[in-house]
C-alpha atoms as a PDB file:
ATOM      1  CA  MET A   1     102.721 145.330  17.739  1.00  0.00           C
ATOM      2  CA  THR A   2      99.574 147.370  18.112  1.00  0.00           C
ATOM      3  CA  THR A   3      99.708 151.084  18.818  1.00  0.00           C
ATOM      4  CA  LEU A   4      97.783 150.526  22.056  1.00  0.00           C
ATOM      5  CA  ARG A   5     100.225 147.867  23.283  1.00  0.00           C
ATOM      6  CA  TYR A   6     103.196 150.053  22.374  1.00  0.00           C
ATOM      7  CA  GLN A   7     101.703 153.085  24.114  1.00  0.00           C
ATOM      8  CA  ALA A   8     101.025 151.019  27.244  1.00  0.00           C
ATOM      9  CA  MET A   9     104.673 149.885  27.282  1.00  0.00           C
ATOM     10  CA  ARG A  10     105.833 153.467  26.642  1.00  0.00           C
ATOM     11  CA  ASP A  11     103.716 154.739  29.546  1.00  0.00           C
ATOM     12  CA  ALA A  12     105.065 151.991  31.832  1.00  0.00           C
ATOM     13  CA  VAL A  13     108.664 152.777  30.876  1.00  0.00           C
ATOM     14  CA  GLN A  14     108.146 156.502  31.504  1.00  0.00           C
ATOM     15  CA  SER A  15     106.604 155.863  34.919  1.00  0.00           C
ATOM     16  CA  LEU A  16     109.494 153.574  35.930  1.00  0.00           C
ATOM     17  CA  ASP A  17     112.338 155.720  34.538  1.00  0.00           C
ATOM     18  CA  ASP A  18     112.790 157.903  37.607  1.00  0.00           C
ATOM     19  CA  THR A  19     111.979 155.255  40.214  1.00  0.00           C
ATOM     20  CA  VAL A  20     113.755 152.070  39.088  1.00  0.00           C
ATOM     21  CA  PRO A  21     117.527 151.930  38.483  1.00  0.00           C
ATOM     22  CA  GLY A  22     118.854 151.092  35.044  1.00  0.00           C
ATOM     23  CA  LYS A  23     117.571 151.967  31.624  1.00  0.00           C
ATOM     24  CA  PHE A  24     114.544 150.786  29.700  1.00  0.00           C
ATOM     25  CA  GLU A  25     114.104 150.283  25.962  1.00  0.00           C
ATOM     26  CA  ILE A  26     111.234 148.863  23.918  1.00  0.00           C
ATOM     27  CA  THR A  27     111.587 146.282  21.158  1.00  0.00           C
ATOM     28  CA  ARG A  28     108.997 144.339  19.228  1.00  0.00           C
ATOM     29  CA  GLU A  29     109.449 141.553  21.776  1.00  0.00           C
ATOM     30  CA  GLY A  30     108.743 143.807  24.743  1.00  0.00           C
ATOM     31  CA  VAL A  31     110.585 145.912  27.299  1.00  0.00           C
ATOM     32  CA  VAL A  32     114.342 145.491  27.767  1.00  0.00           C
ATOM     33  CA  HIS A  33     115.622 146.508  31.204  1.00  0.00           C
ATOM     34  CA  ASP A  34     119.349 146.845  31.803  1.00  0.00           C
ATOM     35  CA  MET A  35     119.334 146.825  35.602  1.00  0.00           C
ATOM     36  CA  ARG A  36     122.922 147.820  36.168  1.00  0.00           C
ATOM     37  CA  ALA A  37     124.244 151.330  35.959  1.00  0.00           C
ATOM     38  CA  PRO A  38     126.939 151.554  33.275  1.00  0.00           C
ATOM     39  CA  SER A  39     130.400 150.738  34.602  1.00  0.00           C
ATOM     40  CA  SER A  40     133.448 152.957  34.394  1.00  0.00           C
ATOM     41  CA  PRO A  41     134.910 151.072  31.370  1.00  0.00           C
ATOM     42  CA  HIS A  42     131.552 151.420  29.579  1.00  0.00           C
ATOM     43  CA  GLU A  43     131.312 155.162  30.210  1.00  0.00           C
ATOM     44  CA  LEU A  44     135.009 155.786  29.501  1.00  0.00           C
ATOM     45  CA  THR A  45     134.729 153.959  26.174  1.00  0.00           C
ATOM     46  CA  ALA A  46     131.689 156.056  25.214  1.00  0.00           C
ATOM     47  CA  ALA A  47     133.465 159.283  26.210  1.00  0.00           C
ATOM     48  CA  ARG A  48     136.679 158.463  24.333  1.00  0.00           C
ATOM     49  CA  VAL A  49     134.935 157.313  21.163  1.00  0.00           C
ATOM     50  CA  SER A  50     132.617 160.341  21.236  1.00  0.00           C
ATOM     51  CA  ARG A  51     135.501 162.808  21.649  1.00  0.00           C
ATOM     52  CA  ARG A  52     137.580 161.132  18.958  1.00  0.00           C
ATOM     53  CA  LEU A  53     134.699 161.325  16.508  1.00  0.00           C
ATOM     54  CA  GLU A  54     133.833 164.946  17.328  1.00  0.00           C
ATOM     55  CA  LYS A  55     137.428 166.037  16.650  1.00  0.00           C
ATOM     56  CA  LEU A  56     136.948 164.863  13.055  1.00  0.00           C
ATOM     57  CA  MET A  57     133.335 165.851  12.426  1.00  0.00           C
ATOM     58  CA  PRO A  58     132.439 169.230  10.932  1.00  0.00           C
ATOM     59  CA  ASP A  59     130.665 171.955  12.905  1.00  0.00           C
ATOM     60  CA  GLY A  60     126.970 171.244  13.230  1.00  0.00           C
ATOM     61  CA  LEU A  61     127.416 167.504  13.784  1.00  0.00           C
ATOM     62  CA  LEU A  62     127.721 165.859  17.186  1.00  0.00           C
ATOM     63  CA  ALA A  63     128.699 162.496  18.630  1.00  0.00           C
ATOM     64  CA  HIS A  64     126.026 162.886  21.305  1.00  0.00           C
ATOM     65  CA  THR A  65     125.967 160.772  24.452  1.00  0.00           C
ATOM     66  CA  GLY A  66     122.848 160.870  26.563  1.00  0.00           C
ATOM     67  CA  ALA A  67     119.129 161.406  26.238  1.00  0.00           C
ATOM     68  CA  PRO A  68     116.681 161.545  24.684  1.00  0.00           C
ATOM     69  CA  ASP A  69     116.053 158.217  23.006  1.00  0.00           C
ATOM     70  CA  VAL A  70     115.235 157.408  19.391  1.00  0.00           C
ATOM     71  CA  GLU A  71     111.740 156.169  18.716  1.00  0.00           C
ATOM     72  CA  ASP A  72     109.611 154.882  15.881  1.00  0.00           C
ATOM     73  CA  GLU A  73     106.132 154.289  17.228  1.00  0.00           C
ATOM     74  CA  SER A  74     104.983 152.674  13.971  1.00  0.00           C
ATOM     75  CA  GLN A  75     107.688 149.997  14.426  1.00  0.00           C
ATOM     76  CA  GLY A  76     107.056 149.719  18.174  1.00  0.00           C
ATOM     77  CA  ILE A  77     110.704 150.454  18.978  1.00  0.00           C
ATOM     78  CA  LEU A  78     112.338 152.857  21.435  1.00  0.00           C
ATOM     79  CA  ARG A  79     116.127 152.693  21.841  1.00  0.00           C
ATOM     80  CA  LEU A  80     118.738 154.780  23.663  1.00  0.00           C
ATOM     81  CA  PRO A  81     122.091 154.533  21.849  1.00  0.00           C
ATOM     82  CA  ASP A  82     125.238 155.155  23.882  1.00  0.00           C
ATOM     83  CA  ILE A  83     126.442 157.553  21.148  1.00  0.00           C
ATOM     84  CA  MET A  84     124.402 159.101  18.350  1.00  0.00           C
ATOM     85  CA  LEU A  85     126.059 160.777  15.381  1.00  0.00           C
ATOM     86  CA  ILE A  86     123.500 163.447  14.565  1.00  0.00           C
ATOM     87  CA  ALA A  87     123.179 166.985  13.242  1.00  0.00           C
ATOM     88  CA  GLU A  88     122.528 169.626  15.889  1.00  0.00           C
ATOM     89  CA  ALA A  89     119.522 170.809  13.867  1.00  0.00           C
ATOM     90  CA  ASP A  90     117.961 167.333  14.172  1.00  0.00           C
ATOM     91  CA  MET A  91     118.195 167.560  17.965  1.00  0.00           C
ATOM     92  CA  GLU A  92     115.929 170.611  18.187  1.00  0.00           C
ATOM     93  CA  GLY A  93     112.394 170.250  19.474  1.00  0.00           C
ATOM     94  CA  GLN A  94     110.808 168.116  22.154  1.00  0.00           C
ATOM     95  CA  GLY A  95     110.605 164.390  22.643  1.00  0.00           C
ATOM     96  CA  SER A  96     112.500 161.521  21.090  1.00  0.00           C
ATOM     97  CA  PHE A  97     114.856 161.944  18.161  1.00  0.00           C
ATOM     98  CA  ASP A  98     113.733 160.642  14.781  1.00  0.00           C
ATOM     99  CA  PRO A  99     115.988 157.588  14.223  1.00  0.00           C
ATOM    100  CA  ARG A 100     116.109 158.294  10.478  1.00  0.00           C
ATOM    101  CA  THR A 101     118.075 161.491  11.230  1.00  0.00           C
ATOM    102  CA  LEU A 102     120.968 159.568  12.814  1.00  0.00           C
ATOM    103  CA  ILE A 103     124.150 159.277  10.818  1.00  0.00           C
ATOM    104  CA  ALA A 104     125.181 156.352  13.026  1.00  0.00           C
ATOM    105  CA  ALA A 105     124.430 154.688  16.350  1.00  0.00           C
ATOM    106  CA  VAL A 106     127.298 153.479  18.538  1.00  0.00           C
ATOM    107  CA  GLU A 107     126.847 151.008  21.378  1.00  0.00           C
ATOM    108  CA  ILE A 108     129.214 149.900  24.095  1.00  0.00           C
ATOM    109  CA  VAL A 109     128.298 146.313  24.973  1.00  0.00           C
ATOM    110  CA  SER A 110     126.835 145.956  28.440  1.00  0.00           C
ATOM    111  CA  ARG A 111     128.437 143.321  30.626  1.00  0.00           C
ATOM    112  CA  SER A 112     125.026 142.433  32.068  1.00  0.00           C
ATOM    113  CA  ASN A 113     123.109 142.062  28.786  1.00  0.00           C
ATOM    114  CA  PRO A 114     125.398 141.658  25.733  1.00  0.00           C
ATOM    115  CA  ASP A 115     122.643 140.175  23.556  1.00  0.00           C
ATOM    116  CA  ASN A 116     120.796 143.491  23.704  1.00  0.00           C
ATOM    117  CA  ASP A 117     123.637 145.081  21.697  1.00  0.00           C
ATOM    118  CA  TRP A 118     124.771 142.117  19.575  1.00  0.00           C
ATOM    119  CA  VAL A 119     121.330 140.715  18.718  1.00  0.00           C
ATOM    120  CA  GLY A 120     118.453 143.057  19.563  1.00  0.00           C
ATOM    121  CA  LYS A 121     119.963 146.336  18.400  1.00  0.00           C
ATOM    122  CA  MET A 122     121.524 144.676  15.369  1.00  0.00           C
ATOM    123  CA  ARG A 123     117.957 143.749  14.411  1.00  0.00           C
ATOM    124  CA  ASP A 124     116.263 147.015  15.479  1.00  0.00           C
ATOM    125  CA  TYR A 125     118.587 149.686  14.105  1.00  0.00           C
ATOM    126  CA  PRO A 126     118.111 148.735  10.441  1.00  0.00           C
ATOM    127  CA  LEU A 127     114.340 148.588  11.078  1.00  0.00           C
ATOM    128  CA  LEU A 128     114.622 152.167  12.372  1.00  0.00           C
ATOM    129  CA  GLY A 129     116.625 153.239   9.305  1.00  0.00           C
ATOM    130  CA  VAL A 130     119.910 153.901  11.156  1.00  0.00           C
ATOM    131  CA  PRO A 131     122.450 153.587   8.298  1.00  0.00           C
ATOM    132  CA  VAL A 132     125.521 152.665  10.385  1.00  0.00           C
ATOM    133  CA  TYR A 133     125.727 150.718  13.635  1.00  0.00           C
ATOM    134  CA  ALA A 134     129.047 150.384  15.488  1.00  0.00           C
ATOM    135  CA  VAL A 135     129.493 148.008  18.434  1.00  0.00           C
ATOM    136  CA  PHE A 136     132.396 148.189  20.894  1.00  0.00           C
ATOM    137  CA  ASP A 137     132.735 145.185  23.213  1.00  0.00           C
ATOM    138  CA  PRO A 138     134.862 145.804  26.341  1.00  0.00           C
ATOM    139  CA  ARG A 139     134.390 142.146  27.348  1.00  0.00           C
ATOM    140  CA  THR A 140     136.578 140.958  24.460  1.00  0.00           C
ATOM    141  CA  GLY A 141     138.352 144.040  23.100  1.00  0.00           C
ATOM    142  CA  THR A 142     136.625 143.606  19.752  1.00  0.00           C
ATOM    143  CA  GLY A 143     133.806 145.199  17.812  1.00  0.00           C
ATOM    144  CA  ALA A 144     132.070 145.571  14.488  1.00  0.00           C
ATOM    145  CA  VAL A 145     130.701 148.267  12.206  1.00  0.00           C
ATOM    146  CA  LEU A 146     127.554 147.349  10.294  1.00  0.00           C
ATOM    147  CA  SER A 147     126.173 149.224   7.291  1.00  0.00           C
ATOM    148  CA  ASP A 148     124.380 148.934   3.939  1.00  0.00           C
ATOM    149  CA  ILE A 149     120.797 148.183   4.947  1.00  0.00           C
ATOM    150  CA  HIS A 150     119.072 145.759   2.592  1.00  0.00           C
ATOM    151  CA  GLN A 151     115.774 143.897   2.641  1.00  0.00           C
ATOM    152  CA  THR A 152     115.607 140.250   3.683  1.00  0.00           C
ATOM    153  CA  PRO A 153     112.626 137.948   4.262  1.00  0.00           C
ATOM    154  CA  ALA A 154     113.016 138.724   7.996  1.00  0.00           C
ATOM    155  CA  GLY A 155     113.002 142.485   7.341  1.00  0.00           C
ATOM    156  CA  PRO A 156     115.735 145.077   6.863  1.00  0.00           C
ATOM    157  CA  ARG A 157     119.220 143.952   7.904  1.00  0.00           C
ATOM    158  CA  TYR A 158     122.790 145.214   7.557  1.00  0.00           C
ATOM    159  CA  ALA A 159     124.588 143.688   4.555  1.00  0.00           C
ATOM    160  CA  THR A 160     128.134 144.736   5.450  1.00  0.00           C
ATOM    161  CA  ARG A 161     129.982 143.899   8.654  1.00  0.00           C
ATOM    162  CA  LYS A 162     133.559 144.965   9.370  1.00  0.00           C
ATOM    163  CA  ASP A 163     135.016 143.429  12.520  1.00  0.00           C
ATOM    164  CA  PHE A 164     137.854 145.082  14.429  1.00  0.00           C
ATOM    165  CA  VAL A 165     140.134 144.453  17.385  1.00  0.00           C
ATOM    166  CA  TYR A 166     140.939 147.144  19.936  1.00  0.00           C
ATOM    167  CA  GLY A 167     144.132 148.886  18.863  1.00  0.00           C
ATOM    168  CA  GLU A 168     143.056 149.099  15.207  1.00  0.00           C
ATOM    169  CA  ASP A 169     141.546 152.122  13.503  1.00  0.00           C
ATOM    170  CA  VAL A 170     137.828 151.848  12.799  1.00  0.00           C
ATOM    171  CA  THR A 171     135.699 153.795  10.329  1.00  0.00           C
ATOM    172  CA  ILE A 172     132.237 154.854  11.493  1.00  0.00           C
ATOM    173  CA  ALA A 173     130.265 156.523   8.701  1.00  0.00           C
ATOM    174  CA  GLU A 174     132.854 158.934   7.193  1.00  0.00           C
ATOM    175  CA  TRP A 175     135.263 159.188  10.130  1.00  0.00           C
ATOM    176  CA  THR A 176     138.136 156.927  11.109  1.00  0.00           C
ATOM    177  CA  VAL A 177     139.126 156.813  14.780  1.00  0.00           C
ATOM    178  CA  SER A 178     141.641 154.864  16.806  1.00  0.00           C
ATOM    179  CA  THR A 179     140.499 152.201  19.257  1.00  0.00           C
ATOM    180  CA  GLU A 180     143.857 152.430  21.045  1.00  0.00           C
ATOM    181  CA  GLY A 181     143.554 152.787  24.817  1.00  0.00           C
ATOM    182  CA  LEU A 182     139.919 151.751  25.138  1.00  0.00           C
ATOM    183  CA  PRO A 183     139.362 149.996  28.479  1.00  0.00           C
ATOM    184  CA  LEU A 184     138.285 146.409  29.007  1.00  0.00           C
ATOM    185  CA  TYR A 185     136.000 145.023  31.676  1.00  0.00           C
ATOM    186  CA  ALA A 186     138.023 143.474  34.488  1.00  0.00           C
END
């Protein structure tokens, strides 16, 4: 993707952010628009996982939910993880976070666009240098933690995948949390 094309998409996303519902992200294929506001099970899962992680993490590290996004203009990618494991010091300053400063990205699968989390972000996060990617899927009560970025002919990909079922403990980066009591979509 050219810098000009990426900047045009970035400008369009910024102009739509406050006027069109949902959230926008940019991939090499173009703009991804999740039109629905996150549901209660989505937000509750993010809150519970974030709190469980923060209880275990040392001072100075956060399991941050919210803005801003992570962006690598040279790759033509802008993503907004549901939870970012990141050092407070790496959150200082203006603009997007540097994705290479993330310890891990955690996504709660959207009911309206599951391929964004299971396909698109699984492709984009290793390109951005995010070392660990955890996916929680309230549709099925399952998930996966991906790690160990390696090079493939199609570009960087995760080499290790550990699947889990809600109710089991799951390790994200250095911290193991319970998935007990995480809600499912009705």
